[in-house]
Amino acid sequence: MTFTHPSAIDIDSAAMRQAGRDALSLALMDARNHSLYLFAALESGLSGASVTGRPVATLLRPLLWQIGYMGWFQEYWVARQLQRSASQGPGEAAARLPSVLPQADLCWLNSADPMAAPLPSASEIRTYLLQTLEATLELLEQTPSSDAALYGYRLCLFREDQCGEALIAWAQSQGLALDLPLGSVSGPRAPIALPGQRWRLGSGPEGFAFDNERAAHELWVPEFEIDAQVVTWAQLVEFVDDGGYDRPELWHPDGWSWLNRCQRRAPRYVEQLGVASGAVLQTRFGSPRRMAAAQAVTHVSWWEADAWARWAGRRLPSEAEWELAAETAQRRGFRWGEVWEWTASRFLPYPGFVPGPWGDYSQPHFGSHRVLRGASFATRSRLQTPRYRYFLPPQEDSAFAGFRTCAI
């Protein structure tokens, strides 16, 4: 197959949640091209053992596993389906056709153990990626234009975008070079006060939404004041200068235990933090780089974000507060999209939650994870919407995550 870059329409916008067949076809090719580009860029910087071995960051998978998983996921939810026209497709336990790649399910069906079976070679995985995409596109041409019929295709598109960001985080964990921006720098903005109001939280029934974004529901959000921008390195240096990493009263007890286990005295990948000079050196894709004072803090855990907020006499926003501000206060200076942002909210189902066909996406993580909102520089634009709920355990710091705060 020969892929060309789709430029006739904007396929990298949040409108792809309502995309029809033609736009989806272009976007699926674009996503696969992006995956193959990242695969080639990362593979060239690794030895053979590193390609198949487990990376340092706890939630990241071996490179070949991550790349092959994209093809497997798409085949599993589209080409191998026996009931593609069913409402949002059958669940994970439904009968499926066999994979074109022998042993594929042994490698990728149990995503909790990425080392459960020997992985195919890099060349076999590249062939598999082309075969699965070709099958998907052929089936898409014959698919009705309803939301239910297109659900599996949209799911595969956004899942591949999620995995692409995971590959970029994988490169960061391995110290591999990637030519990506460090993030923009802007002047300080005053916090934004928002009045108490009713807010409809979550995504509506039209188009695509991940199951944890539904059901949309109204709730009362009391008045609050929220930072217009995320916490910066200059602000974090002040916390370190005041002994923030050595004061147990600032930390949740579980966070203090985590801090002592990992002996952390700065965010992940920080090689130097000069209290007197304010200089911060953080390794980014294999190279120590000086962070600008006004750049967003990156690679912090929820525990660190919560401790900083306590030290500042503030608090993390709830996800409802964050969503309301992102949707209504951008003209007043609310800025997001530099880093994922930790919120105070536990990852819990919305009232009326119904699991989607991919049952393992949300349910196993309810209660144990925290919600992040926004996006990072590594997030595809079509995945960026204020309604999207990202979720991670509170100790996780491999993601491109920071935070902002609210007045108490």
Protein backbone atom coordinates (compact mmCIF):
# COMPACT_ATOMS: atom_id res chain seq x y z
CA MET A 1 0.00 0.00 0.00
CA THR A 2 1.14 3.58 -0.68
CA PHE A 3 0.05 6.13 1.90
CA THR A 4 -0.10 9.84 1.20
CA HIS A 5 -0.44 12.57 3.76
CA PRO A 6 -4.10 13.63 3.86
CA SER A 7 -4.28 17.39 3.42
CA ALA A 8 -7.68 17.91 1.84
CA ILE A 9 -9.52 18.06 5.18
CA ASP A 10 -8.63 18.67 8.80
CA ILE A 11 -8.38 15.17 10.20
CA ASP A 12 -6.43 16.20 13.29
CA SER A 13 -9.16 17.97 15.21
CA ALA A 14 -11.64 17.00 17.89
CA ALA A 15 -14.32 16.99 15.17
CA MET A 16 -13.06 13.49 14.30
CA ARG A 17 -15.31 12.20 17.06
CA GLN A 18 -18.16 12.76 14.59
CA ALA A 19 -16.16 11.73 11.50
CA GLY A 20 -17.76 9.80 8.68
CA ARG A 21 -16.22 7.09 6.53
CA ASP A 22 -14.07 9.27 4.25
CA ALA A 23 -12.47 11.31 7.02
CA LEU A 24 -12.01 8.20 9.15
CA SER A 25 -10.22 6.42 6.33
CA LEU A 26 -7.75 9.29 5.97
CA ALA A 27 -7.28 9.62 9.72
CA LEU A 28 -6.64 5.90 10.19
CA MET A 29 -3.91 6.06 7.54
CA ASP A 30 -2.48 9.17 9.14
CA ALA A 31 -2.38 7.52 12.56
CA ARG A 32 -0.67 4.40 11.19
CA ASN A 33 1.89 6.52 9.31
CA HIS A 34 2.62 8.36 12.56
CA SER A 35 3.06 5.05 14.38
CA LEU A 36 5.44 3.71 11.74
CA TYR A 37 7.42 6.97 11.81
CA LEU A 38 7.83 6.71 15.57
CA PHE A 39 8.72 3.02 15.30
CA ALA A 40 11.51 3.76 12.82
CA ALA A 41 12.81 6.71 14.83
CA LEU A 42 12.92 4.75 18.08
CA GLU A 43 14.18 1.47 16.64
CA SER A 44 17.20 3.19 15.11
CA GLY A 45 18.37 4.27 18.55
CA LEU A 46 18.07 0.89 20.25
CA SER A 47 19.92 -2.37 20.39
CA GLY A 48 17.99 -5.57 19.70
CA ALA A 49 17.62 -6.36 23.40
CA SER A 50 16.24 -2.89 24.11
CA VAL A 51 13.59 -3.27 21.44
CA THR A 52 12.09 -6.29 23.17
CA GLY A 53 13.02 -5.51 26.79
CA ARG A 54 10.93 -3.85 29.46
CA PRO A 55 11.53 -0.08 29.85
CA VAL A 56 12.27 1.67 33.13
CA ALA A 57 8.94 3.46 33.61
CA THR A 58 6.48 1.09 35.25
CA LEU A 59 3.46 1.61 32.99
CA LEU A 60 5.32 1.47 29.70
CA ARG A 61 5.70 -1.62 27.55
CA PRO A 62 8.51 -2.98 25.34
CA LEU A 63 8.73 -1.19 22.00
CA LEU A 64 7.79 -4.17 19.80
CA TRP A 65 4.87 -4.95 22.11
CA GLN A 66 3.54 -1.41 21.88
CA ILE A 67 3.88 -1.23 18.10
CA GLY A 68 2.33 -4.65 17.48
CA TYR A 69 -0.49 -3.91 19.91
CA MET A 70 -1.76 -1.17 17.60
CA GLY A 71 -2.24 -3.62 14.75
CA TRP A 72 -3.72 -6.25 17.04
CA PHE A 73 -6.18 -3.81 18.63
CA GLN A 74 -7.44 -2.64 15.25
CA GLU A 75 -7.80 -6.18 13.92
CA TYR A 76 -9.47 -7.36 17.14
CA TRP A 77 -12.11 -4.62 17.10
CA VAL A 78 -12.75 -4.43 13.35
CA ALA A 79 -11.59 -7.21 11.00
CA ARG A 80 -12.09 -10.07 13.45
CA GLN A 81 -15.53 -8.95 14.54
CA LEU A 82 -18.47 -11.14 13.59
CA GLN A 83 -21.09 -8.50 14.48
CA ARG A 84 -19.68 -5.23 13.24
CA SER A 85 -23.11 -3.65 12.77
CA ALA A 86 -24.23 -4.36 16.33
CA SER A 87 -24.72 -1.34 18.58
CA GLN A 88 -21.15 -0.28 19.37
CA GLY A 89 -19.97 -3.79 18.60
CA PRO A 90 -19.84 -6.89 20.80
CA GLY A 91 -17.88 -7.05 24.01
CA GLU A 92 -14.48 -8.56 24.53
CA ALA A 93 -15.87 -12.04 25.20
CA ALA A 94 -17.69 -12.27 21.84
CA ALA A 95 -16.55 -14.85 19.29
CA ARG A 96 -14.06 -13.56 16.73
CA LEU A 97 -12.36 -14.65 13.56
CA PRO A 98 -8.73 -15.79 13.87
CA SER A 99 -5.90 -13.28 13.49
CA VAL A 100 -3.78 -13.15 10.35
CA LEU A 101 -0.79 -13.30 12.69
CA PRO A 102 -0.43 -16.66 14.49
CA GLN A 103 -0.15 -16.34 18.27
CA ALA A 104 -1.32 -12.70 18.19
CA ASP A 105 -3.74 -13.18 21.07
CA LEU A 106 -1.03 -14.79 23.18
CA CYS A 107 1.07 -11.66 22.71
CA TRP A 108 -1.53 -8.92 23.12
CA LEU A 109 -4.84 -10.14 24.51
CA ASN A 110 -3.49 -10.12 28.07
CA SER A 111 -2.18 -6.57 28.14
CA ALA A 112 -1.39 -6.87 31.87
CA ASP A 113 1.60 -9.07 31.03
CA PRO A 114 3.41 -7.85 27.89
CA MET A 115 6.10 -10.51 28.32
CA ALA A 116 3.66 -13.45 28.36
CA ALA A 117 4.68 -14.74 24.91
CA PRO A 118 7.60 -14.24 22.50
CA LEU A 119 7.01 -11.26 20.25
CA PRO A 120 7.20 -11.39 16.44
CA SER A 121 10.17 -9.76 14.73
CA ALA A 122 10.17 -6.12 13.72
CA SER A 123 9.65 -7.02 10.04
CA GLU A 124 6.73 -9.32 10.90
CA ILE A 125 5.12 -6.57 12.94
CA ARG A 126 5.50 -4.05 10.11
CA THR A 127 3.78 -6.48 7.75
CA TYR A 128 1.05 -7.03 10.34
CA LEU A 129 0.48 -3.29 10.67
CA LEU A 130 -0.01 -2.95 6.92
CA GLN A 131 -2.27 -6.02 6.69
CA THR A 132 -4.53 -4.92 9.53
CA LEU A 133 -4.89 -1.39 8.20
CA GLU A 134 -5.69 -2.61 4.71
CA ALA A 135 -8.41 -4.91 6.07
CA THR A 136 -9.84 -2.10 8.21
CA LEU A 137 -10.04 0.32 5.28
CA GLU A 138 -11.71 -2.24 3.01
CA LEU A 139 -14.36 -2.99 5.63
CA LEU A 140 -14.88 0.70 6.36
CA GLU A 141 -15.92 1.31 2.73
CA GLN A 142 -18.88 -1.04 3.26
CA THR A 143 -19.88 0.23 6.71
CA PRO A 144 -23.09 2.23 7.32
CA SER A 145 -22.66 5.84 8.42
CA SER A 146 -24.31 5.54 11.83
CA ASP A 147 -22.50 6.21 15.09
CA ALA A 148 -23.06 2.61 16.18
CA ALA A 149 -21.59 1.14 12.99
CA LEU A 150 -18.57 3.47 13.06
CA TYR A 151 -17.86 3.03 16.76
CA GLY A 152 -15.15 0.41 16.35
CA TYR A 153 -13.31 2.43 13.70
CA ARG A 154 -13.35 5.58 15.79
CA LEU A 155 -12.23 3.60 18.83
CA CYS A 156 -9.27 2.21 16.89
CA LEU A 157 -8.29 5.66 15.66
CA PHE A 158 -8.22 7.24 19.10
CA ARG A 159 -6.59 4.19 20.67
CA GLU A 160 -3.75 4.41 18.16
CA ASP A 161 -3.36 8.09 19.00
CA GLN A 162 -3.15 7.20 22.69
CA CYS A 163 -0.52 4.57 21.93
CA GLY A 164 1.45 7.08 19.86
CA GLU A 165 1.78 9.32 22.90
CA ALA A 166 2.81 6.28 24.94
CA LEU A 167 5.59 5.69 22.41
CA ILE A 168 6.82 9.25 22.89
CA ALA A 169 6.80 8.72 26.66
CA TRP A 170 8.68 5.46 26.02
CA ALA A 171 11.35 7.41 24.13
CA GLN A 172 11.66 9.79 27.06
CA SER A 173 12.05 6.88 29.50
CA GLN A 174 14.80 5.34 27.37
CA GLY A 175 16.64 8.58 26.68
CA LEU A 176 16.08 8.35 22.91
CA ALA A 177 16.30 11.42 20.72
CA LEU A 178 13.07 12.77 19.22
CA ASP A 179 12.74 16.17 17.60
CA LEU A 180 9.83 17.55 19.61
CA PRO A 181 9.20 20.98 21.16
CA LEU A 182 9.88 21.61 24.83
CA GLY A 183 6.73 23.65 25.27
CA SER A 184 5.90 27.29 24.94
CA VAL A 185 6.64 30.06 27.41
CA SER A 186 4.21 32.84 28.28
CA GLY A 187 3.94 35.61 30.80
CA PRO A 188 1.98 35.20 34.04
CA ARG A 189 -1.76 35.68 34.04
CA ALA A 190 -4.00 36.50 36.97
CA PRO A 191 -6.15 33.71 38.42
CA ILE A 192 -9.69 33.49 37.08
CA ALA A 193 -12.77 33.70 39.33
CA LEU A 194 -15.83 31.81 38.13
CA PRO A 195 -19.30 32.10 39.67
CA GLY A 196 -21.24 29.16 41.02
CA GLN A 197 -23.30 27.54 38.29
CA ARG A 198 -24.81 24.34 37.02
CA TRP A 199 -22.57 22.46 34.62
CA ARG A 200 -23.18 19.51 32.32
CA LEU A 201 -20.21 17.25 32.92
CA GLY A 202 -19.18 14.70 30.33
CA SER A 203 -19.87 13.87 26.69
CA GLY A 204 -23.27 13.66 25.05
CA PRO A 205 -24.70 10.73 23.06
CA GLU A 206 -23.69 12.02 19.62
CA GLY A 207 -20.52 10.81 17.94
CA PHE A 208 -17.78 8.94 19.75
CA ALA A 209 -16.93 9.06 23.45
CA PHE A 210 -14.97 6.76 25.71
CA ASP A 211 -17.27 4.99 28.14
CA ASN A 212 -16.00 6.86 31.21
CA GLU A 213 -17.07 10.20 29.65
CA ARG A 214 -20.70 9.09 29.75
CA ALA A 215 -23.36 9.56 30.87
CA ALA A 216 -23.29 13.36 30.69
CA HIS A 217 -25.00 14.80 33.76
CA GLU A 218 -25.64 18.13 35.43
CA LEU A 219 -24.17 19.14 38.77
CA TRP A 220 -23.73 22.31 40.78
CA VAL A 221 -20.23 23.78 40.79
CA PRO A 222 -19.77 26.38 43.58
CA GLU A 223 -17.87 29.55 42.81
CA PHE A 224 -14.10 29.07 42.63
CA GLU A 225 -10.85 30.72 41.60
CA ILE A 226 -8.49 28.79 39.33
CA ASP A 227 -5.02 29.47 37.96
CA ALA A 228 -5.04 30.70 34.38
CA GLN A 229 -1.96 28.60 33.64
CA VAL A 230 -0.15 25.58 34.97
CA VAL A 231 2.49 25.70 37.71
CA THR A 232 5.93 26.59 36.36
CA TRP A 233 9.47 25.54 37.14
CA ALA A 234 10.10 28.85 38.91
CA GLN A 235 7.22 28.09 41.27
CA LEU A 236 8.46 24.56 41.88
CA VAL A 237 11.97 25.84 42.73
CA GLU A 238 10.43 27.93 45.51
CA PHE A 239 8.80 24.77 46.90
CA VAL A 240 12.13 22.92 46.86
CA ASP A 241 13.91 25.92 48.43
CA ASP A 242 11.42 25.84 51.29
CA GLY A 243 12.16 22.15 51.98
CA GLY A 244 9.00 20.91 50.27
CA TYR A 245 10.41 17.44 49.64
CA ASP A 246 11.48 17.11 53.30
CA ARG A 247 8.34 18.22 55.14
CA PRO A 248 5.95 15.36 55.87
CA GLU A 249 3.16 17.73 56.92
CA LEU A 250 2.80 18.78 53.26
CA TRP A 251 2.30 15.27 51.98
CA HIS A 252 -0.53 12.79 52.00
CA PRO A 253 0.66 9.85 54.15
CA ASP A 254 0.69 7.53 51.14
CA GLY A 255 2.55 10.17 49.18
CA TRP A 256 5.14 10.54 51.92
CA SER A 257 5.68 6.77 51.90
CA TRP A 258 6.09 6.85 48.11
CA LEU A 259 8.54 9.75 48.36
CA ASN A 260 10.74 7.90 50.84
CA ARG A 261 10.68 4.70 48.83
CA CYS A 262 11.85 6.39 45.65
CA GLN A 263 14.12 8.96 47.37
CA ARG A 264 12.69 11.71 45.18
CA ARG A 265 13.84 15.31 45.65
CA ALA A 266 12.63 16.73 42.32
CA PRO A 267 10.33 15.67 39.48
CA ARG A 268 11.33 12.69 37.36
CA TYR A 269 14.21 13.17 34.91
CA VAL A 270 15.46 16.33 36.70
CA GLU A 271 19.25 16.12 36.84
CA GLN A 272 19.92 19.46 38.51
CA LEU A 273 17.78 21.94 40.39
CA GLY A 274 19.63 25.02 41.57
CA VAL A 275 17.81 26.69 44.43
CA ALA A 276 20.12 29.72 44.40
CA SER A 277 20.21 30.14 40.64
CA GLY A 278 16.73 28.83 39.85
CA ALA A 279 18.23 26.72 37.07
CA VAL A 280 16.51 23.42 36.28
CA LEU A 281 18.09 20.79 34.07
CA GLN A 282 15.71 18.05 32.99
CA THR A 283 16.70 15.25 30.64
CA ARG A 284 14.42 15.40 27.62
CA PHE A 285 14.78 12.63 25.06
CA GLY A 286 18.34 11.84 26.11
CA SER A 287 19.69 15.38 26.44
CA PRO A 288 19.87 17.50 29.61
CA ARG A 289 18.12 20.75 28.79
CA ARG A 290 17.70 23.90 30.77
CA MET A 291 14.05 24.55 31.46
CA ALA A 292 12.79 28.11 31.19
CA ALA A 293 11.48 29.48 34.47
CA ALA A 294 8.05 30.10 32.91
CA GLN A 295 7.73 26.64 31.35
CA ALA A 296 5.27 24.12 32.76
CA VAL A 297 6.52 21.65 35.34
CA THR A 298 6.57 18.23 33.68
CA HIS A 299 6.79 14.61 34.89
CA VAL A 300 5.29 15.08 38.32
CA SER A 301 3.21 12.53 40.20
CA TRP A 302 -0.14 13.31 41.78
CA TRP A 303 1.56 13.15 45.17
CA GLU A 304 3.95 15.94 44.19
CA ALA A 305 1.17 18.08 42.73
CA ASP A 306 -0.91 17.66 45.89
CA ALA A 307 2.06 18.49 48.16
CA TRP A 308 2.87 21.65 46.18
CA ALA A 309 -0.74 22.79 46.42
CA ARG A 310 -0.75 22.27 50.19
CA TRP A 311 2.51 24.19 50.51
CA ALA A 312 1.06 27.09 48.49
CA GLY A 313 -2.12 27.16 50.60
CA ARG A 314 -4.16 26.09 47.60
CA ARG A 315 -5.70 22.89 46.25
CA LEU A 316 -5.96 20.92 43.04
CA PRO A 317 -9.14 21.59 41.03
CA SER A 318 -11.86 19.02 40.71
CA GLU A 319 -12.34 17.69 37.21
CA ALA A 320 -15.70 19.49 37.02
CA GLU A 321 -14.00 22.81 37.86
CA TRP A 322 -11.27 22.16 35.31
CA GLU A 323 -13.72 21.25 32.56
CA LEU A 324 -15.96 24.24 33.25
CA ALA A 325 -12.99 26.62 33.15
CA ALA A 326 -11.55 25.09 29.98
CA GLU A 327 -14.89 25.35 28.20
CA THR A 328 -15.91 28.84 29.38
CA ALA A 329 -12.83 30.85 30.39
CA GLN A 330 -10.41 30.62 27.45
CA ARG A 331 -11.21 34.19 26.41
CA ARG A 332 -10.30 35.26 29.92
CA GLY A 333 -6.85 33.71 29.65
CA PHE A 334 -7.38 30.08 30.69
CA ARG A 335 -4.70 28.18 28.80
CA TRP A 336 -4.36 24.42 28.49
CA GLY A 337 -2.64 21.84 26.27
CA GLU A 338 1.00 22.12 27.37
CA VAL A 339 0.92 19.21 29.82
CA TRP A 340 -1.66 16.82 31.18
CA GLU A 341 -3.02 18.26 34.41
CA TRP A 342 -3.67 16.35 37.59
CA THR A 343 -7.01 17.08 39.26
CA ALA A 344 -8.18 16.36 42.79
CA SER A 345 -10.76 13.89 41.49
CA ARG A 346 -10.53 10.16 41.85
CA PHE A 347 -11.28 8.27 38.67
CA LEU A 348 -14.85 7.10 39.26
CA PRO A 349 -17.78 6.30 36.95
CA TYR A 350 -20.27 9.03 36.21
CA PRO A 351 -23.86 8.41 37.39
CA GLY A 352 -25.53 6.13 34.87
CA PHE A 353 -22.23 4.70 33.65
CA VAL A 354 -22.56 1.79 31.22
CA PRO A 355 -19.39 -0.10 30.31
CA GLY A 356 -18.41 0.09 26.67
CA PRO A 357 -17.54 -2.96 24.59
CA TRP A 358 -13.90 -2.56 25.66
CA GLY A 359 -14.69 -3.38 29.26
CA ASP A 360 -11.11 -3.30 30.51
CA TYR A 361 -10.57 0.31 29.49
CA SER A 362 -12.12 2.03 32.52
CA GLN A 363 -13.61 -0.37 35.04
CA PRO A 364 -10.42 -1.96 36.46
CA HIS A 365 -9.08 1.50 37.32
CA PHE A 366 -12.06 3.06 39.07
CA GLY A 367 -11.13 4.16 42.59
CA SER A 368 -7.39 3.53 42.36
CA HIS A 369 -6.48 6.18 39.76
CA ARG A 370 -6.69 9.98 39.62
CA VAL A 371 -8.13 12.01 36.75
CA LEU A 372 -5.98 14.21 34.54
CA ARG A 373 -7.45 16.70 32.11
CA GLY A 374 -6.11 18.63 29.13
CA ALA A 375 -3.39 17.37 26.79
CA SER A 376 0.37 17.51 26.31
CA PHE A 377 2.66 18.49 23.45
CA ALA A 378 2.73 14.77 22.53
CA THR A 379 -1.07 14.46 22.23
CA ARG A 380 -2.62 14.41 18.76
CA SER A 381 -4.97 17.37 18.29
CA ARG A 382 -7.93 15.16 17.44
CA LEU A 383 -7.67 13.58 20.89
CA GLN A 384 -7.75 16.97 22.60
CA THR A 385 -11.07 17.98 24.09
CA PRO A 386 -11.91 19.36 27.55
CA ARG A 387 -14.25 16.41 28.06
CA TYR A 388 -11.57 13.75 27.71
CA ARG A 389 -10.67 11.95 30.96
CA TYR A 390 -7.11 10.70 31.23
CA PHE A 391 -6.38 8.60 34.32
CA LEU A 392 -3.27 7.30 36.06
CA PRO A 393 -2.28 5.96 39.48
CA PRO A 394 -1.09 8.77 41.78
CA GLN A 395 2.54 7.63 41.78
CA GLU A 396 2.89 7.61 37.99
CA ASP A 397 5.32 10.22 36.66
CA SER A 398 6.31 8.94 33.22
CA ALA A 399 3.48 10.89 31.57
CA PHE A 400 3.96 14.47 30.39
CA ALA A 401 1.97 15.73 33.36
CA GLY A 402 1.86 18.91 35.44
CA PHE A 403 -0.88 20.73 37.34
CA ARG A 404 -2.61 23.99 38.24
CA THR A 405 -4.35 24.96 41.47
CA CYS A 406 -7.42 26.63 42.91
CA ALA A 407 -7.90 28.93 45.88
CA ILE A 408 -9.13 27.16 48.99
